């Protein structure tokens, strides 16, 4: 079983249980989204804001996971549970985002670096009237959408399509599928429980790489590594590399 196969199954189950409970739509991302670029300084001031997604005053979650099984990701599909931006009436909207990526060539020596590259792709999305205000270490994304953008028809299909386009520029990315949730705080928090499991794995990866700490007995991620063989393989490879370079 792959690193995140269990979480992929959880996301499929999540999508299934939301059918009939909240408005649900599925889009196919346009290969070249028709929207002007935000340029180098796409600032959306508070007075110009129509919608804030994932504000600290409401529920939010945002995470990315990957798989080496192309069939597990429906490339170009964007799922939306809840109202789209141009139909949104709440100025502060709960926001959930899960990005599912099909990849190739990942192993214990490059997974961390490639994960970081994919995570950073969100900053390459430049859309007029859309500003990412903050991204926290707690897997939250807080963004603003201007009144003009909403009036012009800004949508989550547009946002998702733009992120898919950026991720597909990576030579190891084979497909991308995105889940957005804007319905209720309860729905966002249900998605967050899956994201918390993803965060345990990426947190363990981050600690191994950033701190080069191989003392498992004192590590808070030990239970995770004990359950995930890929993390143990990564730790072994990094430990061997440290010995060789030392």
Protein backbone atom coordinates (compact mmCIF):
# COMPACT_ATOMS: atom_id res chain seq x y z
CA UNK A 1 0.00 0.00 0.00
CA UNK A 2 1.30 3.49 -0.87
CA UNK A 3 2.12 6.29 1.51
CA UNK A 4 -1.31 7.93 1.27
CA UNK A 5 -3.50 5.18 -0.22
CA UNK A 6 -5.55 4.94 2.98
CA UNK A 7 -6.19 8.69 2.92
CA UNK A 8 -7.22 8.53 -0.74
CA UNK A 9 -9.79 5.91 0.21
CA UNK A 10 -11.01 8.18 3.00
CA UNK A 11 -11.45 11.07 0.56
CA UNK A 12 -13.48 8.88 -1.80
CA UNK A 13 -15.67 7.86 1.12
CA UNK A 14 -15.99 11.50 2.17
CA UNK A 15 -17.18 12.49 -1.31
CA UNK A 16 -19.67 9.65 -1.28
CA UNK A 17 -21.18 10.51 2.08
CA UNK A 18 -21.69 14.16 1.07
CA UNK A 19 -23.87 13.22 -1.89
CA UNK A 20 -27.38 14.51 -1.24
CA UNK A 21 -26.43 16.36 1.95
CA UNK A 22 -24.79 19.46 0.46
CA UNK A 23 -24.81 20.90 -3.07
CA UNK A 24 -22.18 19.00 -5.03
CA UNK A 25 -20.71 19.73 -8.46
CA UNK A 26 -17.95 18.21 -10.53
CA UNK A 27 -16.03 20.24 -13.11
CA UNK A 28 -13.40 19.41 -15.67
CA UNK A 29 -10.52 21.87 -15.52
CA UNK A 30 -9.91 23.97 -18.61
CA UNK A 31 -6.38 23.41 -20.01
CA UNK A 32 -5.83 27.17 -20.17
CA UNK A 33 -8.08 29.08 -17.73
CA UNK A 34 -9.49 32.24 -19.32
CA UNK A 35 -8.78 34.85 -16.67
CA UNK A 36 -6.34 37.77 -16.50
CA UNK A 37 -3.16 37.40 -14.47
CA UNK A 38 -2.89 39.14 -11.13
CA UNK A 39 0.61 40.33 -11.92
CA UNK A 40 3.42 40.59 -9.43
CA UNK A 41 1.44 42.51 -6.80
CA UNK A 42 -2.14 41.25 -6.76
CA UNK A 43 -3.35 43.01 -3.62
CA UNK A 44 -7.00 42.71 -2.50
CA UNK A 45 -7.76 45.20 0.25
CA UNK A 46 -10.36 44.54 2.93
CA UNK A 47 -12.68 47.22 1.54
CA UNK A 48 -12.55 45.58 -1.91
CA UNK A 49 -13.14 42.03 -0.62
CA UNK A 50 -16.35 40.16 -1.42
CA UNK A 51 -15.43 36.74 0.00
CA UNK A 52 -12.77 35.48 2.39
CA UNK A 53 -12.05 31.77 2.22
CA UNK A 54 -10.67 30.02 5.30
CA UNK A 55 -10.50 33.02 7.62
CA UNK A 56 -9.25 32.28 11.16
CA UNK A 57 -12.82 33.03 12.25
CA UNK A 58 -14.16 29.94 10.50
CA UNK A 59 -13.16 26.33 9.73
CA UNK A 60 -10.42 25.65 7.19
CA UNK A 61 -8.13 22.91 5.97
CA UNK A 62 -5.76 22.54 3.03
CA UNK A 63 -3.49 19.62 2.21
CA UNK A 64 -1.81 17.77 -0.65
CA UNK A 65 -1.09 14.07 -1.02
CA UNK A 66 0.31 11.91 -3.78
CA UNK A 67 0.19 8.41 -5.19
CA UNK A 68 2.17 6.46 -7.78
CA UNK A 69 -1.05 4.84 -9.03
CA UNK A 70 -2.33 6.97 -11.96
CA UNK A 71 -5.73 5.26 -11.91
CA UNK A 72 -6.31 6.51 -8.36
CA UNK A 73 -6.47 10.14 -9.56
CA UNK A 74 -9.08 11.40 -12.03
CA UNK A 75 -6.94 13.99 -13.78
CA UNK A 76 -8.55 17.38 -14.33
CA UNK A 77 -11.56 16.72 -12.11
CA UNK A 78 -12.55 19.37 -9.58
CA UNK A 79 -15.13 18.44 -6.94
CA UNK A 80 -17.03 21.21 -5.17
CA UNK A 81 -19.19 20.59 -2.12
CA UNK A 82 -21.08 23.79 -1.37
CA UNK A 83 -21.71 27.05 -3.23
CA UNK A 84 -19.26 28.41 -5.76
CA UNK A 85 -17.72 31.84 -5.30
CA UNK A 86 -20.06 33.74 -7.62
CA UNK A 87 -23.03 32.29 -5.68
CA UNK A 88 -21.55 32.89 -2.23
CA UNK A 89 -23.42 35.22 0.12
CA UNK A 90 -21.28 34.75 3.23
CA UNK A 91 -18.35 37.17 3.52
CA UNK A 92 -16.47 34.63 5.66
CA UNK A 93 -16.70 31.20 4.07
CA UNK A 94 -15.41 27.93 5.57
CA UNK A 95 -12.92 26.43 3.18
CA UNK A 96 -11.51 22.98 2.61
CA UNK A 97 -9.08 21.95 -0.12
CA UNK A 98 -7.54 18.55 -0.84
CA UNK A 99 -5.15 18.16 -3.77
CA UNK A 100 -4.62 14.62 -5.05
CA UNK A 101 -1.59 14.16 -7.28
CA UNK A 102 -0.54 11.15 -9.37
CA UNK A 103 3.25 11.05 -9.63
CA UNK A 104 6.08 8.89 -10.95
CA UNK A 105 9.66 8.34 -9.90
CA UNK A 106 9.20 9.08 -6.20
CA UNK A 107 11.46 7.22 -3.77
CA UNK A 108 12.89 7.61 -0.27
CA UNK A 109 15.59 10.02 -1.52
CA UNK A 110 13.44 12.56 -3.38
CA UNK A 111 9.90 12.41 -1.93
CA UNK A 112 10.42 15.23 0.55
CA UNK A 113 11.91 17.68 -1.97
CA UNK A 114 9.24 16.93 -4.53
CA UNK A 115 6.48 17.32 -1.95
CA UNK A 116 7.83 20.74 -1.05
CA UNK A 117 7.94 21.71 -4.74
CA UNK A 118 4.31 20.67 -5.18
CA UNK A 119 3.28 22.54 -2.04
CA UNK A 120 4.91 25.72 -3.35
CA UNK A 121 2.98 25.53 -6.63
CA UNK A 122 0.06 27.33 -4.98
CA UNK A 123 2.17 30.50 -4.90
CA UNK A 124 2.55 30.39 -8.68
CA UNK A 125 -1.21 30.76 -9.18
CA UNK A 126 -1.75 34.36 -10.27
CA UNK A 127 -5.36 35.40 -10.90
CA UNK A 128 -6.67 38.96 -10.95
CA UNK A 129 -8.82 39.63 -7.90
CA UNK A 130 -7.57 36.61 -5.95
CA UNK A 131 -5.06 36.99 -3.13
CA UNK A 132 -3.75 34.31 -0.83
CA UNK A 133 -3.54 36.19 2.44
CA UNK A 134 -1.89 33.58 4.63
CA UNK A 135 -0.86 29.93 4.64
CA UNK A 136 -0.18 28.53 8.09
CA UNK A 137 1.76 25.51 9.28
CA UNK A 138 -1.51 24.10 10.55
CA UNK A 139 -2.70 23.27 7.03
CA UNK A 140 -4.96 26.24 6.61
CA UNK A 141 -5.29 28.53 3.62
CA UNK A 142 -6.73 32.02 3.95
CA UNK A 143 -7.52 33.97 0.80
CA UNK A 144 -9.50 36.95 -0.45
CA UNK A 145 -11.53 37.42 -3.61
CA UNK A 146 -12.40 40.92 -4.76
CA UNK A 147 -15.85 42.29 -5.50
CA UNK A 148 -14.90 42.84 -9.13
CA UNK A 149 -13.66 39.26 -9.51
CA UNK A 150 -16.92 37.89 -8.08
CA UNK A 151 -18.94 40.16 -10.38
CA UNK A 152 -16.89 38.91 -13.32
CA UNK A 153 -17.64 35.27 -12.43
CA UNK A 154 -14.61 34.08 -10.47
CA UNK A 155 -15.07 30.41 -9.61
CA UNK A 156 -13.39 27.56 -7.80
CA UNK A 157 -13.24 25.72 -11.11
CA UNK A 158 -11.01 28.57 -12.31
CA UNK A 159 -8.87 28.46 -9.16
CA UNK A 160 -8.56 24.68 -9.26
CA UNK A 161 -7.78 24.66 -12.97
CA UNK A 162 -5.00 27.18 -12.46
CA UNK A 163 -3.42 25.09 -9.71
CA UNK A 164 -3.68 21.94 -11.84
CA UNK A 165 -1.91 23.75 -14.67
CA UNK A 166 0.95 24.80 -12.37
CA UNK A 167 1.36 21.32 -10.92
CA UNK A 168 1.38 19.70 -14.35
CA UNK A 169 4.50 21.71 -15.17
CA UNK A 170 6.41 19.40 -12.83
CA UNK A 171 7.96 16.59 -14.91
CA UNK A 172 7.01 13.95 -12.34
CA UNK A 173 3.32 14.93 -12.07
CA UNK A 174 1.01 12.70 -14.12
CA UNK A 175 -2.39 13.91 -12.97
CA UNK A 176 -4.15 16.19 -10.49
CA UNK A 177 -7.60 16.07 -8.93
CA UNK A 178 -8.93 18.64 -6.44
CA UNK A 179 -11.65 18.65 -3.79
CA UNK A 180 -13.05 21.97 -2.57
CA UNK A 181 -15.51 22.32 0.33
CA UNK A 182 -17.42 25.55 1.06
CA UNK A 183 -20.70 24.14 2.41
CA UNK A 184 -20.51 24.07 6.21
CA UNK A 185 -17.94 24.10 8.98
CA UNK A 186 -18.95 20.52 9.78
CA UNK A 187 -18.10 19.39 6.23
CA UNK A 188 -14.76 21.23 6.30
CA UNK A 189 -13.89 19.71 9.67
CA UNK A 190 -14.76 16.24 8.35
CA UNK A 191 -12.26 16.78 5.53
CA UNK A 192 -9.78 18.13 8.08
CA UNK A 193 -9.75 14.83 9.97
CA UNK A 194 -8.33 13.23 6.80
CA UNK A 195 -5.85 16.08 6.43
CA UNK A 196 -4.69 15.59 10.01
CA UNK A 197 -3.62 12.05 9.09
CA UNK A 198 -1.74 13.37 6.06
CA UNK A 199 -0.09 16.00 8.28
CA UNK A 200 1.27 13.32 10.61
CA UNK A 201 3.16 11.74 7.72
CA UNK A 202 4.42 14.98 6.19
CA UNK A 203 5.31 16.22 9.68
CA UNK A 204 7.48 13.15 10.25
CA UNK A 205 9.15 13.72 6.87
CA UNK A 206 9.76 17.34 7.71
CA UNK A 207 11.34 16.54 11.07
CA UNK A 208 13.67 13.96 9.58
CA UNK A 209 14.88 16.33 6.86
CA UNK A 210 14.94 19.66 8.67
CA UNK A 211 16.28 18.45 12.02
CA UNK A 212 18.18 15.37 10.80
CA UNK A 213 16.94 13.74 14.01
CA UNK A 214 17.10 9.93 13.93
CA UNK A 215 16.48 9.31 17.64
CA UNK A 216 13.16 7.49 17.30
CA UNK A 217 12.78 6.87 21.04
CA UNK A 218 12.19 10.56 21.75
CA UNK A 219 10.28 11.50 18.58
CA UNK A 220 6.59 12.39 18.70
CA UNK A 221 6.17 10.85 15.24
CA UNK A 222 7.40 7.39 16.27
CA UNK A 223 3.90 5.80 16.16
CA UNK A 224 3.43 7.11 12.62
CA UNK A 225 6.79 5.83 11.40
CA UNK A 226 6.13 2.47 13.05
CA UNK A 227 2.99 2.13 10.91
CA UNK A 228 4.32 3.54 7.62
CA UNK A 229 7.06 1.50 5.98
CA UNK A 230 7.89 4.26 3.48
CA UNK A 231 8.89 6.57 6.33
CA UNK A 232 11.16 3.92 7.78
CA UNK A 233 12.79 3.49 4.36
CA UNK A 234 13.28 7.24 4.10
CA UNK A 235 14.84 7.39 7.54
CA UNK A 236 17.21 4.54 6.67
CA UNK A 237 18.28 6.19 3.41
CA UNK A 238 18.87 9.55 5.10
CA UNK A 239 20.83 7.93 7.93
CA UNK A 240 23.06 6.11 5.44
CA UNK A 241 23.60 9.31 3.47
CA UNK A 242 24.62 11.12 6.68
CA UNK A 243 27.15 8.43 7.50
CA UNK A 244 28.61 8.55 3.99
CA UNK A 245 28.86 12.35 3.86
CA UNK A 246 30.28 12.44 7.40
